[in-house]
């Protein structure tokens, strides 16, 4: 995976064909993109904004656009990313273990600073409600995202399955792991019965596949989950940090032709209206969600003894406090 990341970084140099003399001497800004849809699709959505960043700072911008959350996490852990768009759980890992800091949060086009996780079925399936699904363990096929995905794994697990003493990996007859778009297509094509998703990916699916999207039905929605964030690598020169922060926090907020151009570029990224200033503390709800999930799993799990269960619960509490500390300190 690391080799693939490096090839992507070398091959996807934005603006390389018209680099100036100052670009040659300046180190490139390495921008990590969390895939919404496919990696190539996400890169196309972000390219106009990153072209503007290249022009504003007069230095090259390379992209780390990979097909999985784990691939992006690996690149961040290897210090191959300077700035990145991340979802909550991936951002917690980056802040607590990978020397990154939150500086902005996504704001949806409707002004909301959050997304909603979903469970989706075919409208003509035998599953008419969440209760129908839960009533038949071992009967349905499930498509979900990686463990690092908040809406595609953690949220349904924490708020649907774990409260009933269930684990999706054992509740369903089969489980496949993929990106949100391919999972939704799998439901349409009757390859699976249920898929996890979220509102930005559902909006993107409706745009790309309107006829197929009309065949889908949402049987569960979570409460609002804080939006994805932008993080910066610790150790970047202060002048560069300030330039990146000023550019992104101000992007799309201007007037005239420039403002209209920037807002059009933001609109290419699913449901993005702009960026709001934030810090690490915005990630606390994701730590709380993971804590809720792990505690429920421990309470409902089978243990060789009560002492073993208590030891696990104690460890969960310690890990929760350890993860919360760096979020409160910024």
Foldseek 3Di string as FASTA:
>chain_A
DVVVQVCQQVVAKAPPVPQDPVQVVDDAAEEEEDDQDALVLRCVLCRVVQNVVCVVVSYIYTYRRDGALVSSLVCLQVVNHFKYWDWQLSVLCCLQPRQKKFWKAFAFQVRDQFWKKFKKFFCPDPDPALCSLQVQFQPWEEEFEDPSDCRRALVCLLPPALVVLHDVCRRYVYYHYHHQLVRLVCRLVVVGGMGMDIVLSLVVNCVVPVVSSVRMDTRDIDPTDGGITMIGGPPDPPVVVVSVSVSQQCFLVDDDPRNVVRQVSQVSRRRTRGIDTDILLSSLVVLVSVLSSQLSNLVSDDDPDPVVSVVSNVVSVVVSVSSVVSSVVD
